[in-house]
N, C-alpha and C. Protein backbone atom coordinates (compact mmCIF):
# COMPACT_ATOMS: atom_id res chain seq x y z
N MET A 1 -20.37 -86.59 163.08
CA MET A 1 -20.96 -85.83 164.17
C MET A 1 -20.05 -85.96 165.38
N ARG A 2 -19.95 -84.87 166.14
CA ARG A 2 -19.15 -84.88 167.37
C ARG A 2 -19.98 -84.36 168.53
N LEU A 3 -19.70 -84.88 169.71
CA LEU A 3 -20.31 -84.39 170.94
C LEU A 3 -19.55 -83.14 171.34
N SER A 4 -20.19 -81.97 171.28
CA SER A 4 -19.53 -80.70 171.60
C SER A 4 -19.31 -80.56 173.09
N ARG A 5 -20.38 -80.80 173.85
CA ARG A 5 -20.30 -80.72 175.31
C ARG A 5 -21.51 -81.42 175.91
N TRP A 6 -21.43 -81.70 177.20
CA TRP A 6 -22.54 -82.32 177.90
C TRP A 6 -22.50 -81.88 179.35
N SER A 7 -23.63 -81.99 180.02
CA SER A 7 -23.69 -81.65 181.44
C SER A 7 -24.84 -82.42 182.09
N PHE A 8 -24.70 -82.65 183.37
CA PHE A 8 -25.77 -83.32 184.10
C PHE A 8 -26.93 -82.37 184.31
N ASP A 9 -28.12 -82.90 184.19
CA ASP A 9 -29.35 -82.18 184.44
C ASP A 9 -29.94 -82.80 185.70
N ARG A 10 -31.14 -82.49 186.02
CA ARG A 10 -31.76 -83.08 187.21
C ARG A 10 -32.33 -84.46 186.91
N LYS A 11 -32.58 -85.21 187.94
CA LYS A 11 -33.25 -86.51 187.87
C LYS A 11 -32.61 -87.49 186.87
N ASN A 12 -31.32 -87.74 187.02
CA ASN A 12 -30.61 -88.72 186.19
C ASN A 12 -30.66 -88.43 184.69
N ARG A 13 -30.71 -87.17 184.33
CA ARG A 13 -30.71 -86.80 182.91
C ARG A 13 -29.41 -86.08 182.57
N ILE A 14 -29.04 -86.14 181.31
CA ILE A 14 -27.87 -85.45 180.79
C ILE A 14 -28.30 -84.62 179.60
N ARG A 15 -27.78 -83.40 179.52
CA ARG A 15 -28.01 -82.55 178.36
C ARG A 15 -26.80 -82.69 177.45
N GLY A 16 -27.04 -82.97 176.18
CA GLY A 16 -25.96 -83.12 175.22
C GLY A 16 -26.09 -82.12 174.09
N TYR A 17 -24.94 -81.67 173.60
CA TYR A 17 -24.90 -80.71 172.50
C TYR A 17 -23.96 -81.28 171.43
N PHE A 18 -24.41 -81.28 170.19
CA PHE A 18 -23.67 -81.90 169.09
C PHE A 18 -23.41 -80.88 167.99
N ASP A 19 -22.27 -81.02 167.31
CA ASP A 19 -21.90 -80.06 166.28
C ASP A 19 -22.86 -80.05 165.08
N LYS A 20 -23.49 -81.17 164.79
CA LYS A 20 -24.44 -81.24 163.69
C LYS A 20 -25.74 -80.50 164.00
N PHE A 21 -26.06 -80.36 165.29
CA PHE A 21 -27.29 -79.69 165.75
C PHE A 21 -26.91 -78.62 166.77
N PRO A 22 -26.19 -77.56 166.35
CA PRO A 22 -25.65 -76.60 167.30
C PRO A 22 -26.68 -75.80 168.09
N ASN A 23 -27.88 -75.68 167.58
CA ASN A 23 -28.91 -74.87 168.25
C ASN A 23 -29.92 -75.70 169.03
N SER A 24 -29.74 -77.00 169.07
CA SER A 24 -30.68 -77.90 169.75
C SER A 24 -30.04 -78.54 170.97
N THR A 25 -30.87 -78.84 171.96
CA THR A 25 -30.43 -79.52 173.17
C THR A 25 -31.05 -80.91 173.18
N ILE A 26 -30.22 -81.93 173.36
CA ILE A 26 -30.69 -83.31 173.39
C ILE A 26 -30.63 -83.79 174.83
N TYR A 27 -31.73 -84.34 175.33
CA TYR A 27 -31.79 -84.83 176.70
C TYR A 27 -31.70 -86.36 176.70
N PHE A 28 -30.86 -86.88 177.56
CA PHE A 28 -30.67 -88.32 177.71
C PHE A 28 -31.13 -88.72 179.10
N LYS A 29 -31.72 -89.89 179.19
CA LYS A 29 -32.18 -90.43 180.47
C LYS A 29 -31.53 -91.78 180.68
N ARG A 30 -31.16 -92.06 181.93
CA ARG A 30 -30.51 -93.32 182.23
C ARG A 30 -31.51 -94.47 182.22
N ILE A 31 -31.12 -95.54 181.54
CA ILE A 31 -31.88 -96.78 181.52
C ILE A 31 -30.91 -97.86 181.97
N LYS A 32 -31.12 -98.39 183.14
CA LYS A 32 -30.20 -99.37 183.73
C LYS A 32 -28.79 -98.81 183.79
N ARG A 33 -27.88 -99.26 182.94
CA ARG A 33 -26.48 -98.83 183.02
C ARG A 33 -26.03 -97.94 181.87
N TYR A 34 -26.95 -97.48 181.03
CA TYR A 34 -26.57 -96.63 179.91
C TYR A 34 -27.59 -95.50 179.75
N TYR A 35 -27.29 -94.56 178.87
CA TYR A 35 -28.16 -93.41 178.62
C TYR A 35 -28.74 -93.48 177.20
N SER A 36 -30.00 -93.09 177.08
CA SER A 36 -30.70 -93.11 175.81
C SER A 36 -31.37 -91.75 175.60
N VAL A 37 -31.57 -91.36 174.33
CA VAL A 37 -32.24 -90.09 174.04
C VAL A 37 -33.64 -90.15 174.62
N TYR A 38 -33.98 -89.14 175.41
CA TYR A 38 -35.28 -89.07 176.07
C TYR A 38 -36.17 -88.04 175.36
N SER A 39 -35.61 -86.86 175.12
CA SER A 39 -36.35 -85.81 174.42
C SER A 39 -35.34 -84.81 173.87
N LEU A 40 -35.85 -83.85 173.10
CA LEU A 40 -34.96 -82.82 172.59
C LEU A 40 -35.70 -81.51 172.40
N ASP A 41 -34.94 -80.43 172.56
CA ASP A 41 -35.43 -79.10 172.23
C ASP A 41 -34.83 -78.78 170.88
N TRP A 42 -35.57 -79.07 169.83
CA TRP A 42 -35.07 -78.93 168.47
C TRP A 42 -35.32 -77.53 167.96
N CYS A 43 -34.33 -76.97 167.31
CA CYS A 43 -34.42 -75.64 166.70
C CYS A 43 -34.60 -75.82 165.19
N GLN A 44 -35.49 -75.04 164.59
CA GLN A 44 -35.77 -75.17 163.16
C GLN A 44 -34.58 -74.84 162.28
N GLU A 45 -33.60 -74.16 162.83
CA GLU A 45 -32.39 -73.83 162.06
C GLU A 45 -31.51 -75.06 161.84
N ASP A 46 -31.71 -76.09 162.66
CA ASP A 46 -30.94 -77.33 162.56
C ASP A 46 -31.64 -78.32 161.64
N PRO A 47 -30.89 -79.28 161.08
CA PRO A 47 -31.53 -80.32 160.26
C PRO A 47 -32.41 -81.23 161.14
N MET A 48 -33.29 -81.96 160.48
CA MET A 48 -34.14 -82.91 161.20
C MET A 48 -33.28 -84.02 161.81
N VAL A 49 -33.68 -84.49 162.97
CA VAL A 49 -32.96 -85.56 163.65
C VAL A 49 -33.54 -86.89 163.17
N THR A 50 -32.69 -87.72 162.58
CA THR A 50 -33.14 -89.02 162.08
C THR A 50 -32.84 -90.10 163.12
N MET A 51 -33.35 -91.29 162.89
CA MET A 51 -33.07 -92.42 163.79
C MET A 51 -31.57 -92.74 163.78
N GLU A 52 -30.92 -92.59 162.64
CA GLU A 52 -29.48 -92.84 162.56
C GLU A 52 -28.71 -91.81 163.38
N ASP A 53 -29.16 -90.54 163.34
CA ASP A 53 -28.53 -89.50 164.15
C ASP A 53 -28.70 -89.81 165.63
N ARG A 54 -29.88 -90.23 166.00
CA ARG A 54 -30.17 -90.55 167.40
C ARG A 54 -29.28 -91.69 167.89
N GLU A 55 -29.12 -92.73 167.08
CA GLU A 55 -28.26 -93.86 167.43
C GLU A 55 -26.82 -93.40 167.62
N GLU A 56 -26.35 -92.56 166.70
CA GLU A 56 -24.97 -92.06 166.79
C GLU A 56 -24.78 -91.18 168.03
N MET A 57 -25.77 -90.35 168.35
CA MET A 57 -25.69 -89.51 169.55
C MET A 57 -25.61 -90.36 170.81
N GLN A 58 -26.41 -91.42 170.86
CA GLN A 58 -26.39 -92.30 172.02
C GLN A 58 -25.02 -92.98 172.16
N GLN A 59 -24.45 -93.43 171.05
CA GLN A 59 -23.14 -94.06 171.08
C GLN A 59 -22.07 -93.07 171.55
N LEU A 60 -22.10 -91.86 171.01
CA LEU A 60 -21.09 -90.86 171.38
C LEU A 60 -21.17 -90.49 172.85
N LEU A 61 -22.37 -90.27 173.37
CA LEU A 61 -22.51 -89.90 174.78
C LEU A 61 -22.09 -91.03 175.69
N ASN A 62 -22.56 -92.25 175.41
CA ASN A 62 -22.21 -93.39 176.27
C ASN A 62 -20.71 -93.67 176.22
N LYS A 63 -20.08 -93.46 175.09
CA LYS A 63 -18.62 -93.63 175.00
C LYS A 63 -17.92 -92.58 175.86
N GLU A 64 -18.39 -91.35 175.80
CA GLU A 64 -17.79 -90.25 176.55
C GLU A 64 -17.84 -90.49 178.06
N ILE A 65 -18.94 -91.06 178.54
CA ILE A 65 -19.08 -91.24 179.99
C ILE A 65 -18.72 -92.66 180.46
N GLY A 66 -18.18 -93.46 179.55
CA GLY A 66 -17.71 -94.79 179.94
C GLY A 66 -18.77 -95.86 180.05
N ARG A 67 -19.86 -95.72 179.34
CA ARG A 67 -20.95 -96.70 179.40
C ARG A 67 -21.26 -97.33 178.05
N LEU A 68 -20.32 -97.26 177.13
CA LEU A 68 -20.55 -97.78 175.78
C LEU A 68 -20.78 -99.29 175.78
N GLU A 69 -20.05 -100.02 176.59
CA GLU A 69 -20.22 -101.48 176.64
C GLU A 69 -21.63 -101.85 177.08
N ALA A 70 -22.15 -101.19 178.11
CA ALA A 70 -23.52 -101.45 178.57
C ALA A 70 -24.53 -101.08 177.48
N TYR A 71 -24.27 -99.99 176.77
CA TYR A 71 -25.17 -99.57 175.70
C TYR A 71 -25.19 -100.59 174.57
N GLU A 72 -24.04 -101.09 174.19
CA GLU A 72 -23.96 -102.06 173.09
C GLU A 72 -24.52 -103.42 173.47
N ASN A 73 -24.60 -103.74 174.75
CA ASN A 73 -25.10 -105.03 175.21
C ASN A 73 -26.56 -104.96 175.69
N ARG A 74 -27.26 -103.88 175.37
CA ARG A 74 -28.65 -103.75 175.83
C ARG A 74 -29.54 -104.79 175.15
N LYS A 75 -30.62 -105.15 175.81
CA LYS A 75 -31.52 -106.18 175.27
C LYS A 75 -32.21 -105.74 173.99
N SER A 76 -32.57 -104.47 173.88
CA SER A 76 -33.27 -104.01 172.67
C SER A 76 -32.40 -104.13 171.44
N ARG A 77 -31.11 -104.24 171.60
CA ARG A 77 -30.19 -104.38 170.48
C ARG A 77 -30.39 -105.73 169.78
N GLU A 78 -30.89 -106.73 170.50
CA GLU A 78 -31.12 -108.06 169.93
C GLU A 78 -32.15 -108.01 168.80
N HIS A 79 -33.04 -107.03 168.84
CA HIS A 79 -34.10 -106.94 167.84
C HIS A 79 -33.69 -106.17 166.59
N LEU A 80 -32.52 -105.57 166.61
CA LEU A 80 -32.08 -104.77 165.45
C LEU A 80 -31.50 -105.63 164.37
């Protein structure tokens, strides 16, 4: 999966677009120093979004904007 493009939305949110889900918009919200999937406008033409897809999308976006280290060091990661 690749991050096709992204843009800032209002209220500390980012809209992300991925090649695996070309017709869907994924919204990310900032949590402390990294961004996490908040919601999505899913199109039925795209495959279902799995937890593994969501994890990969979060990694790709945080890497793109320079916050991958904060994302990988988050507290919730300790429970995985």
